[in-house]
Protein backbone atom coordinates (compact mmCIF):
# COMPACT_ATOMS: atom_id res chain seq x y z
CA UNK A 1 133.87 -146.41 56.21
CA UNK A 2 130.27 -146.16 55.00
CA UNK A 3 127.97 -143.28 55.81
CA UNK A 4 125.58 -145.30 58.07
CA UNK A 5 128.16 -146.46 60.67
CA UNK A 6 129.66 -142.97 60.70
CA UNK A 7 126.24 -141.40 61.37
CA UNK A 8 125.50 -143.95 64.08
CA UNK A 9 128.78 -143.25 65.82
CA UNK A 10 128.13 -139.52 65.64
CA UNK A 11 124.67 -140.02 67.15
CA UNK A 12 126.07 -142.07 70.06
CA UNK A 13 128.75 -139.47 70.68
CA UNK A 14 126.14 -136.71 70.69
CA UNK A 15 123.92 -138.67 73.12
CA UNK A 16 126.79 -139.23 75.51
CA UNK A 17 127.85 -135.56 75.37
CA UNK A 18 131.28 -136.28 73.96
CA UNK A 19 132.85 -134.03 71.39
CA UNK A 20 132.54 -135.21 67.83
CA UNK A 21 136.03 -135.58 66.36
CA UNK A 22 136.53 -133.54 63.28
CA UNK A 23 138.60 -134.63 60.33
CA UNK A 24 141.29 -132.22 59.17
CA UNK A 25 141.72 -131.93 55.45
CA UNK A 26 145.40 -131.75 54.61
CA UNK A 27 146.05 -129.76 51.43
CA UNK A 28 147.78 -131.70 48.71
CA UNK A 29 151.52 -131.30 48.34
CA UNK A 30 152.61 -129.05 45.52
CA UNK A 31 153.62 -130.97 42.44
CA UNK A 32 155.92 -128.38 40.90
CA UNK A 33 159.07 -130.41 41.60
CA UNK A 34 160.22 -130.21 37.99
CA UNK A 35 159.87 -126.45 38.00
CA UNK A 36 161.87 -126.16 41.23
CA UNK A 37 164.63 -128.35 39.85
CA UNK A 38 164.73 -126.31 36.65
CA UNK A 39 165.00 -123.01 38.55
CA UNK A 40 167.72 -124.41 40.83
CA UNK A 41 169.69 -125.68 37.84
CA UNK A 42 169.41 -122.30 36.12
CA UNK A 43 170.66 -120.48 39.23
CA UNK A 44 173.56 -122.90 39.59
CA UNK A 45 174.49 -122.54 35.91
CA UNK A 46 174.36 -118.75 36.16
CA UNK A 47 176.56 -118.80 39.27
CA UNK A 48 179.15 -121.03 37.63
CA UNK A 49 179.10 -118.98 34.42
CA UNK A 50 179.75 -115.75 36.33
CA UNK A 51 182.35 -117.15 38.75
CA UNK A 52 184.56 -118.92 36.21
CA UNK A 53 185.67 -115.71 34.45
CA UNK A 54 186.36 -114.11 37.82
CA UNK A 55 188.50 -117.06 38.91
CA UNK A 56 190.38 -116.93 35.63
CA UNK A 57 190.79 -113.17 35.92
CA UNK A 58 192.65 -113.39 39.22
CA UNK A 59 195.00 -116.02 37.77
CA UNK A 60 194.66 -118.47 40.63
CA UNK A 61 197.76 -120.71 40.42
CA UNK A 62 197.11 -123.78 42.53
CA UNK A 63 200.26 -125.45 41.17
CA UNK A 64 202.42 -122.76 42.78
CA UNK A 65 200.72 -123.36 46.12
CA UNK A 66 201.41 -127.08 45.87
CA UNK A 67 205.00 -126.48 44.79
CA UNK A 68 205.91 -123.98 47.53
CA UNK A 69 203.81 -125.26 50.41
CA UNK A 70 206.96 -125.94 52.45
CA UNK A 71 207.65 -122.19 52.68
CA UNK A 72 204.32 -121.59 54.34
CA UNK A 73 204.70 -124.55 56.66
CA UNK A 74 208.11 -123.28 57.77
CA UNK A 75 206.65 -119.89 58.66
CA UNK A 76 203.75 -121.49 60.52
CA UNK A 77 206.14 -123.65 62.54
CA UNK A 78 208.11 -120.56 63.52
CA UNK A 79 204.92 -118.71 64.45
CA UNK A 80 203.91 -121.67 66.63
CA UNK A 81 207.00 -121.07 68.81
CA UNK A 82 206.41 -117.67 70.45
CA UNK A 83 209.37 -116.04 72.16
CA UNK A 84 207.90 -115.03 75.51
CA UNK A 85 211.14 -113.32 76.49
CA UNK A 86 210.29 -110.65 73.92
CA UNK A 87 207.01 -109.83 75.69
CA UNK A 88 208.29 -106.95 77.93
CA UNK A 89 209.42 -105.01 74.87
CA UNK A 90 205.84 -104.93 73.57
CA UNK A 91 204.23 -103.19 76.56
CA UNK A 92 205.00 -99.61 75.51
CA UNK A 93 203.93 -100.04 71.84
CA UNK A 94 200.79 -101.86 72.97
CA UNK A 95 199.91 -99.03 75.35
CA UNK A 96 200.41 -96.56 72.50
CA UNK A 97 198.10 -98.66 70.31
CA UNK A 98 195.38 -98.66 72.97
CA UNK A 99 195.73 -94.89 73.38
CA UNK A 100 195.44 -94.40 69.63
CA UNK A 101 192.37 -96.63 69.46
CA UNK A 102 190.65 -94.89 72.37
CA UNK A 103 191.40 -91.33 71.26
CA UNK A 104 190.31 -92.06 67.70
CA UNK A 105 187.09 -93.72 68.85
CA UNK A 106 186.18 -90.94 71.32
CA UNK A 107 186.88 -88.14 68.83
CA UNK A 108 184.85 -89.94 66.17
CA UNK A 109 182.02 -90.51 68.63
CA UNK A 110 181.72 -86.80 69.36
CA UNK A 111 181.84 -85.74 65.70
CA UNK A 112 179.62 -88.55 64.42
CA UNK A 113 176.49 -87.33 66.25
CA UNK A 114 175.81 -84.18 64.17
CA UNK A 115 177.11 -85.79 60.96
CA UNK A 116 174.79 -88.76 61.39
CA UNK A 117 171.78 -86.53 62.00
CA UNK A 118 172.65 -84.52 58.89
CA UNK A 119 173.04 -87.69 56.81
CA UNK A 120 169.65 -89.24 57.73
CA UNK A 121 166.51 -88.15 55.92
CA UNK A 122 164.15 -88.10 58.97
CA UNK A 123 166.51 -85.86 60.94
CA UNK A 124 167.55 -83.66 57.99
CA UNK A 125 164.80 -82.92 55.46
CA UNK A 126 167.14 -80.67 53.44
CA UNK A 127 168.17 -82.78 50.43
CA UNK A 128 171.14 -80.60 49.49
CA UNK A 129 172.96 -80.75 52.82
CA UNK A 130 172.02 -84.41 53.26
CA UNK A 131 173.46 -85.32 49.86
CA UNK A 132 176.59 -83.28 50.61
CA UNK A 133 177.25 -85.06 53.91
CA UNK A 134 176.62 -88.48 52.39
CA UNK A 135 178.89 -87.76 49.42
CA UNK A 136 181.76 -86.61 51.62
CA UNK A 137 181.31 -89.64 53.87
CA UNK A 138 181.29 -92.00 50.88
CA UNK A 139 184.53 -90.46 49.62
CA UNK A 140 186.00 -90.90 53.09
CA UNK A 141 185.04 -94.58 53.17
CA UNK A 142 186.31 -95.16 49.63
CA UNK A 143 189.89 -94.16 50.50
CA UNK A 144 191.78 -97.11 52.06
CA UNK A 145 193.14 -96.66 55.57
CA UNK A 146 196.73 -97.27 54.50
CA UNK A 147 196.45 -94.47 51.96
CA UNK A 148 195.30 -92.03 54.64
CA UNK A 149 198.07 -93.19 56.96
CA UNK A 150 200.76 -92.93 54.25
CA UNK A 151 199.75 -89.39 53.31
CA UNK A 152 199.53 -88.30 56.96
CA UNK A 153 202.94 -89.82 57.76
CA UNK A 154 204.39 -87.82 54.89
CA UNK A 155 202.69 -84.67 56.21
CA UNK A 156 203.36 -84.84 59.97
CA UNK A 157 206.04 -87.51 60.27
CA UNK A 158 206.26 -90.93 61.86
CA UNK A 159 204.39 -91.36 65.14
CA UNK A 160 201.00 -91.83 66.74
CA UNK A 161 199.35 -88.70 65.30
CA UNK A 162 198.90 -90.09 61.76
CA UNK A 163 197.44 -93.24 63.23
CA UNK A 164 194.96 -91.34 65.41
CA UNK A 165 193.76 -89.20 62.51
CA UNK A 166 193.42 -92.25 60.27
CA UNK A 167 191.40 -94.12 62.89
CA UNK A 168 189.23 -91.04 63.41
CA UNK A 169 188.41 -90.84 59.69
CA UNK A 170 187.77 -94.57 59.51
CA UNK A 171 185.42 -94.52 62.50
CA UNK A 172 183.52 -91.51 61.16
CA UNK A 173 182.86 -93.33 57.91
CA UNK A 174 181.61 -96.49 59.59
CA UNK A 175 179.46 -94.90 62.30
CA UNK A 176 177.81 -92.26 60.11
CA UNK A 177 177.03 -94.79 57.39
CA UNK A 178 175.51 -97.50 59.61
CA UNK A 179 173.64 -95.32 62.12
CA UNK A 180 172.17 -92.98 59.49
CA UNK A 181 170.84 -95.95 57.52
CA UNK A 182 169.35 -97.41 60.71
CA UNK A 183 167.61 -94.09 61.42
CA UNK A 184 166.26 -94.04 57.86
CA UNK A 185 164.78 -97.53 58.29
CA UNK A 186 163.22 -96.87 61.73
CA UNK A 187 159.66 -95.87 62.58
CA UNK A 188 159.36 -92.11 63.00
CA UNK A 189 155.90 -91.60 64.46
CA UNK A 190 157.45 -89.91 67.49
CA UNK A 191 159.04 -87.33 65.20
CA UNK A 192 155.71 -86.69 63.51
CA UNK A 193 154.24 -86.01 66.94
CA UNK A 194 157.01 -83.48 67.57
CA UNK A 195 156.25 -81.71 64.29
CA UNK A 196 152.55 -81.70 65.12
CA UNK A 197 153.41 -80.02 68.43
CA UNK A 198 155.18 -77.23 66.54
CA UNK A 199 158.78 -78.12 67.36
CA UNK A 200 161.70 -77.12 65.18
CA UNK A 201 163.87 -79.76 63.54
CA UNK A 202 166.64 -79.15 66.08
CA UNK A 203 164.22 -79.57 68.97
CA UNK A 204 162.71 -82.71 67.42
CA UNK A 205 166.15 -84.25 66.89
CA UNK A 206 167.25 -83.45 70.41
CA UNK A 207 164.06 -84.53 72.17
CA UNK A 208 162.97 -87.53 70.06
CA UNK A 209 165.57 -88.73 67.54
CA UNK A 210 168.64 -88.75 69.76
CA UNK A 211 167.07 -90.73 72.66
CA UNK A 212 165.94 -93.35 70.16
CA UNK A 213 169.36 -93.47 68.45
CA UNK A 214 171.58 -93.68 71.54
CA UNK A 215 171.67 -97.52 71.56
CA UNK A 216 172.60 -97.50 67.86
CA UNK A 217 175.39 -95.02 68.48
CA UNK A 218 176.67 -96.99 71.47
CA UNK A 219 176.81 -100.25 69.50
CA UNK A 220 178.74 -98.68 66.64
CA UNK A 221 181.13 -96.77 68.91
CA UNK A 222 182.04 -99.96 70.75
CA UNK A 223 182.43 -101.79 67.48
CA UNK A 224 184.72 -99.02 66.19
CA UNK A 225 186.86 -99.35 69.31
CA UNK A 226 187.27 -103.08 68.64
CA UNK A 227 188.27 -102.40 65.04
CA UNK A 228 190.78 -99.72 65.99
CA UNK A 229 193.03 -102.12 67.87
CA UNK A 230 193.32 -104.44 64.87
CA UNK A 231 193.61 -101.66 62.30
CA UNK A 232 196.30 -99.82 64.25
CA UNK A 233 198.49 -102.91 63.99
CA UNK A 234 198.27 -102.63 60.20
CA UNK A 235 198.81 -98.87 60.16
CA UNK A 236 202.12 -99.31 61.92
CA UNK A 237 203.50 -100.86 58.73
CA UNK A 238 203.60 -97.39 57.13
CA UNK A 239 204.93 -95.71 60.28
CA UNK A 240 201.66 -94.64 61.89
CA UNK A 241 202.76 -95.65 65.38
CA UNK A 242 201.61 -98.30 67.80
CA UNK A 243 202.49 -101.94 68.01
CA UNK A 244 202.22 -102.23 64.24
CA UNK A 245 205.62 -100.56 63.86
CA UNK A 246 207.19 -103.16 66.11
CA UNK A 247 205.37 -105.92 64.25
CA UNK A 248 206.70 -104.70 60.91
CA UNK A 249 210.20 -104.34 62.33
CA UNK A 250 210.34 -107.93 63.63
CA UNK A 251 208.82 -109.24 60.41
CA UNK A 252 211.50 -107.45 58.39
CA UNK A 253 214.14 -109.29 60.44
CA UNK A 254 212.31 -112.61 59.92
CA UNK A 255 211.88 -112.94 63.70
CA UNK A 256 208.62 -114.85 63.44
CA UNK A 257 208.80 -116.05 67.03
CA UNK A 258 208.61 -112.38 68.11
CA UNK A 259 205.84 -111.74 65.57
CA UNK A 260 203.91 -114.62 67.12
CA UNK A 261 204.09 -112.97 70.54
CA UNK A 262 202.75 -109.71 69.14
CA UNK A 263 199.90 -111.49 67.34
CA UNK A 264 198.92 -113.36 70.50
CA UNK A 265 199.03 -110.12 72.47
CA UNK A 266 196.75 -108.38 69.98
CA UNK A 267 194.41 -111.37 70.11
CA UNK A 268 194.14 -111.20 73.90
CA UNK A 269 193.49 -107.45 73.82
CA UNK A 270 190.82 -107.77 71.13
CA UNK A 271 189.05 -110.56 73.05
CA UNK A 272 189.14 -108.49 76.25
CA UNK A 273 187.72 -105.42 74.49
CA UNK A 274 185.01 -107.54 72.87
CA UNK A 275 184.01 -109.03 76.24
CA UNK A 276 183.85 -105.55 77.77
CA UNK A 277 181.85 -104.28 74.78
CA UNK A 278 179.32 -107.10 75.10
CA UNK A 279 178.92 -106.31 78.79
CA UNK A 280 178.31 -102.64 78.07
CA UNK A 281 175.89 -103.46 75.24
CA UNK A 282 173.74 -105.57 77.55
CA UNK A 283 173.54 -102.65 79.97
CA UNK A 284 172.87 -100.01 77.32
CA UNK A 285 170.45 -101.78 74.98
């Protein structure tokens, strides 16, 4: 369109009081397609080059899977036929598992509060004690749960006590790690106000840090309770009590229909605990 008709139309629009439409200049599209393709190809090549040695290192034998697939199918067919008549025998071990999970979670919740405050930099300016708490917690998280349970079973015998202690140590490691890192990443202007008012570190933690951290603690405590039910089923393999002992016993006798009942029972309990946890989280957060 030439300049004269455009000016005439603008003049008529101005005379009539209408708004003059403005033309939006769209920036040109970037033309670095070749560079993007080159970077993507380099990333893909690097990923393949690093993954291939790892796949070869674990000696993945797909031929064995193809050759023996019938064994797995047979077990899956047996698991798909749960023996509901076995269900009454699982009530007592399941109750013991829930008791273990609850006691371990509650004990860890009480002990995790001071440990978390000592492990976070805003709530513990002392580098020495902070490094000590973090180091001990990292060592605790580095030891597998089955190792703790095996050692404790050897120390105190078969039963629920080794399982409770193992769950307690596991929950401490998870809660202290996650909550302390969340406190480190949070905004701490309220703590600076407490220092400006002349409060001690203990008073600042009690009056400002803890009220801000309660939702974080609650989320992790509920999450630890969910994990305890599933982990206790594994700990029973080494004699740490709970429904895991019964699960290992029926598996040793190749009673997969009974194993299926136990798995379904654990699934229902975990879903129920998760639903209750979500309800509590919506009320707390």
